[in-house]
């Protein structure tokens, strides 16, 4: 990926000057200029800082396909979805290159015995989803719920939570989270 060219294209798409982006990101104008000219290769933390001035996540930035910047797609084909899952978990992000996403919508698959980890998840925002196929165990706070096909959930993500599939068939669901930081 050409980081400099992509950053310049995104910056222009958002209607920002180098000076304005630098101000928002808390860096110098020359930093933005050097990145865009590929004179320097920014660290992940530096790039994240610059992208926060747009605002845009690293996932969104790195998932931009050359030539698609500025395209506001309506339909995303199955083979275009970005898998951001880890291990056995499949999290396919829908609308990965949609500008200024307010939410993350995902098609998720939990194989048999898969889970989100021993530690409970906790972050700002809200989550909701619906089970499309199979069963899933959802823990929110101290409560444990067994969800089956057609069941749904919605909760404040600041509450500790965890997803598990201790059942004998894979579970597929569609979910949405805010903010769009996936």
C-alpha atoms as a PDB file:
ATOM      1  CA  UNK A   1       0.000   0.000   0.000  1.00  0.00           C
ATOM      2  CA  UNK A   2       1.204   3.500  -0.809  1.00  0.00           C
ATOM      3  CA  UNK A   3       0.547   5.177   2.549  1.00  0.00           C
ATOM      4  CA  UNK A   4       1.426   8.666   1.337  1.00  0.00           C
ATOM      5  CA  UNK A   5      -0.829   8.612  -1.708  1.00  0.00           C
ATOM      6  CA  UNK A   6      -3.677   7.054   0.288  1.00  0.00           C
ATOM      7  CA  UNK A   7      -3.373   9.617   3.089  1.00  0.00           C
ATOM      8  CA  UNK A   8      -3.399  12.475   0.576  1.00  0.00           C
ATOM      9  CA  UNK A   9      -6.476  11.048  -1.194  1.00  0.00           C
ATOM     10  CA  UNK A  10      -8.378  10.575   2.074  1.00  0.00           C
ATOM     11  CA  UNK A  11      -7.389  14.053   3.297  1.00  0.00           C
ATOM     12  CA  UNK A  12      -8.620  15.649   0.050  1.00  0.00           C
ATOM     13  CA  UNK A  13     -11.809  13.560   0.108  1.00  0.00           C
ATOM     14  CA  UNK A  14     -12.534  14.960   3.573  1.00  0.00           C
ATOM     15  CA  UNK A  15     -11.841  18.487   2.338  1.00  0.00           C
ATOM     16  CA  UNK A  16      -8.881  19.042   4.665  1.00  0.00           C
ATOM     17  CA  UNK A  17      -5.733  21.001   3.936  1.00  0.00           C
ATOM     18  CA  UNK A  18      -2.396  19.666   5.168  1.00  0.00           C
ATOM     19  CA  UNK A  19      -2.379  22.482   7.710  1.00  0.00           C
ATOM     20  CA  UNK A  20      -5.867  21.651   9.038  1.00  0.00           C
ATOM     21  CA  UNK A  21      -5.096  17.919   9.327  1.00  0.00           C
ATOM     22  CA  UNK A  22      -1.811  18.698  11.102  1.00  0.00           C
ATOM     23  CA  UNK A  23      -3.639  20.962  13.563  1.00  0.00           C
ATOM     24  CA  UNK A  24      -6.339  18.356  14.269  1.00  0.00           C
ATOM     25  CA  UNK A  25      -3.758  15.587  14.692  1.00  0.00           C
ATOM     26  CA  UNK A  26      -1.346  17.617  16.802  1.00  0.00           C
ATOM     27  CA  UNK A  27       1.582  17.233  14.409  1.00  0.00           C
ATOM     28  CA  UNK A  28       3.513  19.654  12.194  1.00  0.00           C
ATOM     29  CA  UNK A  29       2.542  20.514   8.615  1.00  0.00           C
ATOM     30  CA  UNK A  30       5.878  19.105   7.477  1.00  0.00           C
ATOM     31  CA  UNK A  31       5.035  15.738   9.050  1.00  0.00           C
ATOM     32  CA  UNK A  32       1.879  15.475   6.935  1.00  0.00           C
ATOM     33  CA  UNK A  33       3.771  16.645   3.851  1.00  0.00           C
ATOM     34  CA  UNK A  34       6.616  14.142   4.338  1.00  0.00           C
ATOM     35  CA  UNK A  35       4.186  11.242   4.878  1.00  0.00           C
ATOM     36  CA  UNK A  36       2.208  12.169   1.753  1.00  0.00           C
ATOM     37  CA  UNK A  37       5.421  12.390  -0.300  1.00  0.00           C
ATOM     38  CA  UNK A  38       6.570   9.044   1.147  1.00  0.00           C
ATOM     39  CA  UNK A  39       9.719  10.794   2.424  1.00  0.00           C
ATOM     40  CA  UNK A  40       9.142   9.124   5.794  1.00  0.00           C
ATOM     41  CA  UNK A  41       7.455   5.917   6.804  1.00  0.00           C
ATOM     42  CA  UNK A  42       5.313   6.687   9.844  1.00  0.00           C
ATOM     43  CA  UNK A  43       5.149   4.324  12.822  1.00  0.00           C
ATOM     44  CA  UNK A  44       1.780   2.742  13.550  1.00  0.00           C
ATOM     45  CA  UNK A  45       1.282   5.085  16.509  1.00  0.00           C
ATOM     46  CA  UNK A  46       2.172   8.146  14.394  1.00  0.00           C
ATOM     47  CA  UNK A  47      -0.172   7.093  11.599  1.00  0.00           C
ATOM     48  CA  UNK A  48      -2.931   6.405  14.116  1.00  0.00           C
ATOM     49  CA  UNK A  49      -2.434   9.908  15.534  1.00  0.00           C
ATOM     50  CA  UNK A  50      -2.661  11.468  12.059  1.00  0.00           C
ATOM     51  CA  UNK A  51      -5.727   9.398  11.144  1.00  0.00           C
ATOM     52  CA  UNK A  52      -7.454  10.459  14.375  1.00  0.00           C
ATOM     53  CA  UNK A  53      -7.471  13.986  12.919  1.00  0.00           C
ATOM     54  CA  UNK A  54      -9.613  12.865   9.975  1.00  0.00           C
ATOM     55  CA  UNK A  55     -11.131  10.808  11.928  1.00  0.00           C
ATOM     56  CA  UNK A  56     -10.458   7.321  10.531  1.00  0.00           C
ATOM     57  CA  UNK A  57      -9.400   4.026  12.096  1.00  0.00           C
ATOM     58  CA  UNK A  58      -6.316   2.085  11.013  1.00  0.00           C
ATOM     59  CA  UNK A  59      -8.577  -0.738   9.801  1.00  0.00           C
ATOM     60  CA  UNK A  60     -10.515   1.653   7.593  1.00  0.00           C
ATOM     61  CA  UNK A  61      -7.324   3.196   6.247  1.00  0.00           C
ATOM     62  CA  UNK A  62      -5.600  -0.087   5.424  1.00  0.00           C
ATOM     63  CA  UNK A  63      -8.725  -1.624   3.925  1.00  0.00           C
ATOM     64  CA  UNK A  64      -9.059   1.075   1.275  1.00  0.00           C
ATOM     65  CA  UNK A  65      -8.554  -0.464  -2.132  1.00  0.00           C
ATOM     66  CA  UNK A  66      -6.579   1.593  -4.633  1.00  0.00           C
ATOM     67  CA  UNK A  67      -8.984   3.550  -6.777  1.00  0.00           C
ATOM     68  CA  UNK A  68     -11.956   3.116  -4.471  1.00  0.00           C
ATOM     69  CA  UNK A  69     -11.366   6.171  -2.296  1.00  0.00           C
ATOM     70  CA  UNK A  70     -14.419   8.351  -2.527  1.00  0.00           C
ATOM     71  CA  UNK A  71     -16.671   5.614  -3.898  1.00  0.00           C
ATOM     72  CA  UNK A  72     -19.721   5.260  -1.690  1.00  0.00           C
ATOM     73  CA  UNK A  73     -20.649   1.678  -2.300  1.00  0.00           C
ATOM     74  CA  UNK A  74     -24.110   0.479  -1.428  1.00  0.00           C
ATOM     75  CA  UNK A  75     -23.606  -3.262  -1.970  1.00  0.00           C
ATOM     76  CA  UNK A  76     -20.672  -5.291  -0.637  1.00  0.00           C
ATOM     77  CA  UNK A  77     -20.218  -8.752  -2.126  1.00  0.00           C
ATOM     78  CA  UNK A  78     -19.252 -11.648   0.132  1.00  0.00           C
ATOM     79  CA  UNK A  79     -15.731 -11.838  -1.271  1.00  0.00           C
ATOM     80  CA  UNK A  80     -15.205  -8.100  -0.580  1.00  0.00           C
ATOM     81  CA  UNK A  81     -15.801  -8.299   3.170  1.00  0.00           C
ATOM     82  CA  UNK A  82     -12.712  -7.743   5.324  1.00  0.00           C
ATOM     83  CA  UNK A  83     -12.201 -10.542   7.888  1.00  0.00           C
ATOM     84  CA  UNK A  84     -10.945  -8.903  11.083  1.00  0.00           C
ATOM     85  CA  UNK A  85     -11.438 -11.986  13.259  1.00  0.00           C
ATOM     86  CA  UNK A  86      -8.717 -13.689  15.241  1.00  0.00           C
ATOM     87  CA  UNK A  87      -8.002 -17.383  15.588  1.00  0.00           C
ATOM     88  CA  UNK A  88     -11.060 -19.412  14.634  1.00  0.00           C
ATOM     89  CA  UNK A  89     -13.487 -16.498  14.895  1.00  0.00           C
ATOM     90  CA  UNK A  90     -14.673 -14.955  11.661  1.00  0.00           C
ATOM     91  CA  UNK A  91     -15.717 -11.292  11.820  1.00  0.00           C
ATOM     92  CA  UNK A  92     -16.482  -9.994   8.337  1.00  0.00           C
ATOM     93  CA  UNK A  93     -16.764  -6.212   8.361  1.00  0.00           C
ATOM     94  CA  UNK A  94     -19.533  -4.836   6.150  1.00  0.00           C
ATOM     95  CA  UNK A  95     -18.997  -1.400   4.614  1.00  0.00           C
ATOM     96  CA  UNK A  96     -15.299  -1.262   5.412  1.00  0.00           C
ATOM     97  CA  UNK A  97     -14.593   1.644   3.074  1.00  0.00           C
ATOM     98  CA  UNK A  98     -17.770   3.609   3.750  1.00  0.00           C
ATOM     99  CA  UNK A  99     -16.641   7.119   4.763  1.00  0.00           C
ATOM    100  CA  UNK A 100     -17.241   8.216   8.363  1.00  0.00           C
ATOM    101  CA  UNK A 101     -18.970   5.014   9.433  1.00  0.00           C
ATOM    102  CA  UNK A 102     -20.968   5.576  12.633  1.00  0.00           C
ATOM    103  CA  UNK A 103     -21.225   1.843  13.349  1.00  0.00           C
ATOM    104  CA  UNK A 104     -19.497  -1.427  12.573  1.00  0.00           C
ATOM    105  CA  UNK A 105     -21.767  -4.053  11.042  1.00  0.00           C
ATOM    106  CA  UNK A 106     -20.385  -7.574  10.895  1.00  0.00           C
ATOM    107  CA  UNK A 107     -21.240 -11.064   9.781  1.00  0.00           C
ATOM    108  CA  UNK A 108     -19.782 -13.290  12.495  1.00  0.00           C
ATOM    109  CA  UNK A 109     -19.143 -17.027  12.696  1.00  0.00           C
ATOM    110  CA  UNK A 110     -18.314 -18.850  15.933  1.00  0.00           C
ATOM    111  CA  UNK A 111     -17.129 -22.412  15.254  1.00  0.00           C
ATOM    112  CA  UNK A 112     -17.856 -25.142  17.813  1.00  0.00           C
ATOM    113  CA  UNK A 113     -16.047 -24.384  21.128  1.00  0.00           C
ATOM    114  CA  UNK A 114     -14.954 -20.906  19.963  1.00  0.00           C
ATOM    115  CA  UNK A 115     -15.165 -17.867  22.214  1.00  0.00           C
ATOM    116  CA  UNK A 116     -13.984 -14.281  22.489  1.00  0.00           C
ATOM    117  CA  UNK A 117     -11.444 -15.225  25.160  1.00  0.00           C
ATOM    118  CA  UNK A 118     -11.187 -15.866  28.880  1.00  0.00           C
ATOM    119  CA  UNK A 119     -11.267 -12.159  29.695  1.00  0.00           C
ATOM    120  CA  UNK A 120     -14.542 -10.319  29.447  1.00  0.00           C
ATOM    121  CA  UNK A 121     -14.703  -7.599  26.767  1.00  0.00           C
ATOM    122  CA  UNK A 122     -15.508  -4.043  27.787  1.00  0.00           C
ATOM    123  CA  UNK A 123     -15.467  -0.870  25.682  1.00  0.00           C
ATOM    124  CA  UNK A 124     -17.439   2.283  24.970  1.00  0.00           C
ATOM    125  CA  UNK A 125     -20.555   2.019  22.862  1.00  0.00           C
ATOM    126  CA  UNK A 126     -23.437  -0.336  22.242  1.00  0.00           C
ATOM    127  CA  UNK A 127     -23.812  -3.737  20.603  1.00  0.00           C
ATOM    128  CA  UNK A 128     -26.714  -5.527  19.037  1.00  0.00           C
ATOM    129  CA  UNK A 129     -27.133  -8.620  16.949  1.00  0.00           C
ATOM    130  CA  UNK A 130     -29.352 -11.443  15.756  1.00  0.00           C
ATOM    131  CA  UNK A 131     -28.586 -15.157  15.588  1.00  0.00           C
ATOM    132  CA  UNK A 132     -28.956 -16.437  12.018  1.00  0.00           C
ATOM    133  CA  UNK A 133     -27.934 -20.052  12.578  1.00  0.00           C
ATOM    134  CA  UNK A 134     -26.968 -22.218  15.578  1.00  0.00           C
ATOM    135  CA  UNK A 135     -26.759 -21.212  19.250  1.00  0.00           C
ATOM    136  CA  UNK A 136     -24.555 -18.837  21.224  1.00  0.00           C
ATOM    137  CA  UNK A 137     -23.860 -18.247  24.897  1.00  0.00           C
ATOM    138  CA  UNK A 138     -23.742 -14.529  25.763  1.00  0.00           C
ATOM    139  CA  UNK A 139     -22.543 -13.294  29.138  1.00  0.00           C
ATOM    140  CA  UNK A 140     -23.277  -9.679  30.073  1.00  0.00           C
ATOM    141  CA  UNK A 141     -22.197  -8.726  33.574  1.00  0.00           C
ATOM    142  CA  UNK A 142     -23.201 -11.625  35.833  1.00  0.00           C
ATOM    143  CA  UNK A 143     -25.991 -12.881  33.545  1.00  0.00           C
ATOM    144  CA  UNK A 144     -25.592 -15.748  31.070  1.00  0.00           C
ATOM    145  CA  UNK A 145     -27.988 -16.050  28.146  1.00  0.00           C
ATOM    146  CA  UNK A 146     -28.424 -18.871  25.616  1.00  0.00           C
ATOM    147  CA  UNK A 147     -29.451 -17.443  22.243  1.00  0.00           C
ATOM    148  CA  UNK A 148     -30.918 -19.521  19.421  1.00  0.00           C
ATOM    149  CA  UNK A 149     -31.786 -18.853  15.786  1.00  0.00           C
ATOM    150  CA  UNK A 150     -33.975 -15.729  15.590  1.00  0.00           C
ATOM    151  CA  UNK A 151     -33.020 -14.469  19.084  1.00  0.00           C
ATOM    152  CA  UNK A 152     -31.309 -11.105  19.353  1.00  0.00           C
ATOM    153  CA  UNK A 153     -29.407  -8.988  21.863  1.00  0.00           C
ATOM    154  CA  UNK A 154     -28.690  -5.328  22.528  1.00  0.00           C
ATOM    155  CA  UNK A 155     -26.606  -3.946  25.416  1.00  0.00           C
ATOM    156  CA  UNK A 156     -24.270  -1.205  26.601  1.00  0.00           C
ATOM    157  CA  UNK A 157     -20.746  -2.422  25.748  1.00  0.00           C
ATOM    158  CA  UNK A 158     -19.289  -0.773  28.836  1.00  0.00           C
ATOM    159  CA  UNK A 159     -20.700  -3.756  30.711  1.00  0.00           C
ATOM    160  CA  UNK A 160     -18.270  -6.703  30.787  1.00  0.00           C
ATOM    161  CA  UNK A 161     -19.359  -9.225  28.153  1.00  0.00           C
ATOM    162  CA  UNK A 162     -18.277 -12.403  26.409  1.00  0.00           C
ATOM    163  CA  UNK A 163     -19.482 -14.603  23.533  1.00  0.00           C
ATOM    164  CA  UNK A 164     -19.028 -18.415  23.498  1.00  0.00           C
ATOM    165  CA  UNK A 165     -20.165 -21.342  21.408  1.00  0.00           C
ATOM    166  CA  UNK A 166     -20.041 -24.462  23.621  1.00  0.00           C
ATOM    167  CA  UNK A 167     -22.609 -26.145  21.379  1.00  0.00           C
ATOM    168  CA  UNK A 168     -22.216 -28.852  18.715  1.00  0.00           C
ATOM    169  CA  UNK A 169     -22.772 -26.667  15.629  1.00  0.00           C
ATOM    170  CA  UNK A 170     -21.294 -23.377  14.351  1.00  0.00           C
ATOM    171  CA  UNK A 171     -23.163 -20.173  15.168  1.00  0.00           C
ATOM    172  CA  UNK A 172     -23.661 -17.421  12.598  1.00  0.00           C
ATOM    173  CA  UNK A 173     -24.937 -13.990  13.504  1.00  0.00           C
ATOM    174  CA  UNK A 174     -25.133 -10.446  12.218  1.00  0.00           C
ATOM    175  CA  UNK A 175     -24.081  -7.727  14.644  1.00  0.00           C
ATOM    176  CA  UNK A 176     -23.645  -3.982  14.898  1.00  0.00           C
ATOM    177  CA  UNK A 177     -21.473  -2.001  17.299  1.00  0.00           C
ATOM    178  CA  UNK A 178     -20.907   1.660  18.012  1.00  0.00           C
ATOM    179  CA  UNK A 179     -18.649   3.466  17.729  1.00  0.00           C
ATOM    180  CA  UNK A 180     -17.215   2.185  14.440  1.00  0.00           C
ATOM    181  CA  UNK A 181     -13.781   1.343  15.801  1.00  0.00           C
ATOM    182  CA  UNK A 182     -13.459  -2.078  14.218  1.00  0.00           C
END
